[in-house]
Amino acid sequence: MGWKNVKDYYRIRHLVQITEEGLCIESGVINDLIVIGLDGTIKKRRDPCFNSDLQRYMEEFDADPAKLRELMQSPDSFEKSVTVYTFRGGDIIEKLCEVPGHPNCTHDGEMMYDNMFSVDRDETLARAKVEAKAEFNHWLRQIVFYRNKLTNAEKQAEQCHADLAKLTCEKKQKETRGQQ
């Protein structure tokens, strides 16, 4: 995967990272100014007229699509390999990067957000525990919230059923009185 090849070759000054969509060229606010598929084709582009760098990238991509594909499909090379740690759920994951910290990426193109990556495994483990506890507490609150909503809905349904039964009985009583 050649995210670094593309960034270096085209002198991209914006943030770059690999996501599920592909290689995303980003600002600090917009995560998908330009998206390049892993096959090297442009999947998404925004009107770059408001930014001369974006305009230049798009012009260079369009001028030689074969070069863009070649760069994306070529393996990246890195001068250094520093070990960093992150987490997904209950897993502590070890990755490599050239320079730790935001806005840098791991060798596989993942942006290293400061609250998700560290060179210290113990620090990452501590963060993962805090996140897991917070998420667990969130879902417990959601369970209580929806249980209360379910209990209220059941009470409302019971009341509606009782009202319907009362009205049905009333109608039968009226019909019985009318026959007498």
Protein backbone atom coordinates (compact mmCIF):
# COMPACT_ATOMS: atom_id res chain seq x y z
CA MET A 1 0.00 0.00 0.00
CA GLY A 2 1.60 3.25 -1.08
CA TRP A 3 0.05 6.00 0.99
CA LYS A 4 3.49 7.40 1.84
CA ASN A 5 4.63 7.09 -1.78
CA VAL A 6 1.67 9.23 -2.86
CA LYS A 7 2.16 11.77 -0.07
CA ASP A 8 5.87 12.17 -0.81
CA TYR A 9 5.70 12.10 -4.62
CA TYR A 10 2.92 14.69 -4.86
CA ARG A 11 4.30 16.75 -1.96
CA ILE A 12 0.97 16.60 -0.17
CA ARG A 13 0.87 19.04 2.72
CA HIS A 14 -2.59 18.04 3.93
CA LEU A 15 -3.21 15.22 6.38
CA VAL A 16 -3.20 11.79 4.74
CA GLN A 17 -4.38 8.49 6.14
CA ILE A 18 -5.76 5.13 5.09
CA THR A 19 -9.39 4.47 6.04
CA GLU A 20 -11.99 1.94 4.94
CA GLU A 21 -12.65 4.18 1.93
CA GLY A 22 -9.01 4.28 0.83
CA LEU A 23 -6.33 6.96 1.02
CA CYS A 24 -7.99 10.10 2.38
CA ILE A 25 -6.51 13.53 1.91
CA GLU A 26 -7.88 15.63 4.75
CA SER A 27 -7.95 19.03 6.30
CA GLY A 28 -8.22 19.33 10.05
CA VAL A 29 -12.01 19.55 9.59
CA ILE A 30 -12.95 17.59 6.45
CA ASN A 31 -11.83 13.95 6.43
CA ASP A 32 -12.36 13.23 2.74
CA LEU A 33 -11.33 16.15 0.57
CA ILE A 34 -9.97 13.60 -1.88
CA VAL A 35 -10.29 9.82 -1.60
CA ILE A 36 -8.10 7.50 -3.64
CA GLY A 37 -9.02 3.83 -3.75
CA LEU A 38 -6.38 1.27 -2.88
CA ASP A 39 -6.33 0.42 -6.59
CA GLY A 40 -5.13 3.97 -7.32
CA THR A 41 -8.36 5.37 -8.78
CA ILE A 42 -9.89 8.57 -7.48
CA LYS A 43 -13.11 7.67 -5.69
CA LYS A 44 -14.08 11.11 -4.42
CA ARG A 45 -13.04 14.63 -5.18
CA ARG A 46 -14.28 17.98 -4.00
CA ASP A 47 -14.10 21.21 -5.90
CA PRO A 48 -10.51 22.21 -5.16
CA CYS A 49 -10.81 25.81 -6.37
CA PHE A 50 -10.72 27.17 -2.81
CA ASN A 51 -7.27 25.72 -2.17
CA SER A 52 -4.27 25.92 -4.52
CA ASP A 53 -2.66 22.79 -3.04
CA LEU A 54 -5.79 20.71 -3.63
CA GLN A 55 -5.99 22.12 -7.14
CA ARG A 56 -2.38 21.08 -7.78
CA TYR A 57 -2.91 17.56 -6.40
CA MET A 58 -5.94 17.00 -8.60
CA GLU A 59 -4.20 18.35 -11.70
CA GLU A 60 -1.19 16.08 -11.11
CA PHE A 61 -3.41 13.04 -10.37
CA ASP A 62 -5.44 13.67 -13.54
CA ALA A 63 -2.35 14.30 -15.68
CA ASP A 64 -0.96 10.81 -15.04
CA PRO A 65 -3.46 8.35 -13.52
CA ALA A 66 -1.07 5.45 -14.22
CA LYS A 67 1.56 7.02 -11.97
CA LEU A 68 -0.99 7.45 -9.18
CA ARG A 69 -1.98 3.77 -9.50
CA GLU A 70 1.68 2.71 -9.53
CA LEU A 71 2.47 4.70 -6.38
CA MET A 72 -0.59 3.39 -4.53
CA GLN A 73 0.20 -0.20 -5.40
CA SER A 74 3.91 0.00 -4.56
CA PRO A 75 5.08 -0.81 -1.05
CA ASP A 76 6.12 2.17 1.04
CA SER A 77 9.61 2.40 2.48
CA PHE A 78 10.35 3.96 5.83
CA GLU A 79 13.57 5.35 7.28
CA LYS A 80 12.68 4.39 10.86
CA SER A 81 10.41 1.92 12.58
CA VAL A 82 9.33 3.03 16.03
CA THR A 83 6.96 0.75 17.95
CA VAL A 84 3.67 2.32 19.06
CA TYR A 85 0.62 0.82 20.73
CA THR A 86 -3.09 1.31 20.30
CA PHE A 87 -6.20 -0.63 21.25
CA ARG A 88 -9.39 -2.02 19.76
CA GLY A 89 -11.84 -3.25 22.33
CA GLY A 90 -9.91 -5.60 24.60
CA ASP A 91 -6.90 -5.96 22.30
CA ILE A 92 -3.64 -4.03 22.64
CA ILE A 93 -2.19 -3.67 19.14
CA GLU A 94 1.45 -3.07 18.29
CA LYS A 95 2.23 -1.04 15.17
CA LEU A 96 5.21 0.68 13.63
CA CYS A 97 5.73 4.30 12.58
CA GLU A 98 8.51 6.65 11.61
CA VAL A 99 7.56 9.40 14.06
CA PRO A 100 5.05 8.85 16.89
CA GLY A 101 2.17 11.23 17.53
CA HIS A 102 -0.43 13.18 15.65
CA PRO A 103 -0.58 14.04 12.75
CA ASN A 104 1.71 11.20 11.77
CA CYS A 105 0.58 7.79 10.54
CA THR A 106 1.63 4.25 11.28
CA HIS A 107 3.37 2.29 8.53
CA ASP A 108 -0.03 0.89 7.51
CA GLY A 109 -1.44 4.41 7.16
CA GLU A 110 -3.47 4.81 10.34
CA MET A 111 -3.53 8.32 11.80
CA MET A 112 -2.03 8.32 15.31
CA TYR A 113 -4.41 10.35 17.42
CA ASP A 114 -2.83 11.25 20.75
CA ASN A 115 -5.66 9.70 22.77
CA MET A 116 -5.35 6.38 20.93
CA PHE A 117 -1.60 5.82 20.44
CA SER A 118 1.43 5.78 22.68
CA VAL A 119 4.99 4.47 22.65
CA ASP A 120 4.29 3.19 26.18
CA ARG A 121 2.36 -0.09 26.24
CA ASP A 122 1.33 0.38 29.89
CA GLU A 123 -0.09 3.82 29.11
CA THR A 124 -2.07 2.33 26.21
CA LEU A 125 -3.37 -0.45 28.46
CA ALA A 126 -4.48 2.13 31.06
CA ARG A 127 -6.28 4.18 28.36
CA ALA A 128 -7.93 1.05 27.00
CA LYS A 129 -9.24 0.20 30.48
CA VAL A 130 -10.65 3.72 30.95
CA GLU A 131 -12.33 3.55 27.52
CA ALA A 132 -13.73 0.06 28.16
CA LYS A 133 -15.13 1.12 31.55
CA ALA A 134 -16.68 4.27 30.06
CA GLU A 135 -18.24 2.29 27.22
CA PHE A 136 -19.51 -0.36 29.64
CA ASN A 137 -21.12 2.35 31.80
CA HIS A 138 -22.64 3.96 28.72
CA TRP A 139 -24.30 0.71 27.69
CA LEU A 140 -25.57 0.08 31.24
CA ARG A 141 -27.22 3.52 31.14
CA GLN A 142 -28.71 2.66 27.74
CA ILE A 143 -30.14 -0.59 29.15
CA VAL A 144 -31.78 1.27 32.05
CA PHE A 145 -33.12 3.93 29.68
CA TYR A 146 -34.65 1.41 27.28
CA ARG A 147 -35.99 -0.78 30.10
CA ASN A 148 -37.81 2.26 31.44
CA LYS A 149 -39.15 3.04 27.97
CA LEU A 150 -40.26 -0.59 27.56
CA THR A 151 -41.96 -0.59 30.98
CA ASN A 152 -43.76 2.65 30.08
CA ALA A 153 -44.77 1.26 26.67
CA GLU A 154 -46.12 -1.91 28.30
CA LYS A 155 -48.17 0.17 30.77
CA GLN A 156 -49.54 2.28 27.92
CA ALA A 157 -50.41 -0.84 25.90
CA GLU A 158 -52.14 -2.38 28.95
CA GLN A 159 -54.15 0.82 29.46
CA CYS A 160 -55.15 0.90 25.79
CA HIS A 161 -56.14 -2.75 25.98
CA ALA A 162 -58.24 -2.08 29.09
CA ASP A 163 -59.87 0.93 27.38
CA LEU A 164 -60.65 -1.17 24.32
CA ALA A 165 -62.13 -3.94 26.49
CA LYS A 166 -64.25 -1.40 28.37
CA LEU A 167 -65.50 0.15 25.12
CA THR A 168 -66.23 -3.26 23.62
CA CYS A 169 -68.17 -4.22 26.76
CA GLU A 170 -70.03 -0.87 26.63
CA LYS A 171 -71.04 -1.53 23.03
CA LYS A 172 -72.33 -5.03 23.90
CA GLN A 173 -74.29 -3.66 26.86
CA LYS A 174 -75.87 -1.01 24.63
CA GLU A 175 -76.78 -3.63 22.04
CA THR A 176 -78.29 -5.83 24.79
CA ARG A 177 -80.36 -2.88 26.13
CA GLY A 178 -81.51 -2.09 22.60
CA GLN A 179 -82.86 -5.61 22.14
CA GLN A 180 -84.98 -5.48 25.31
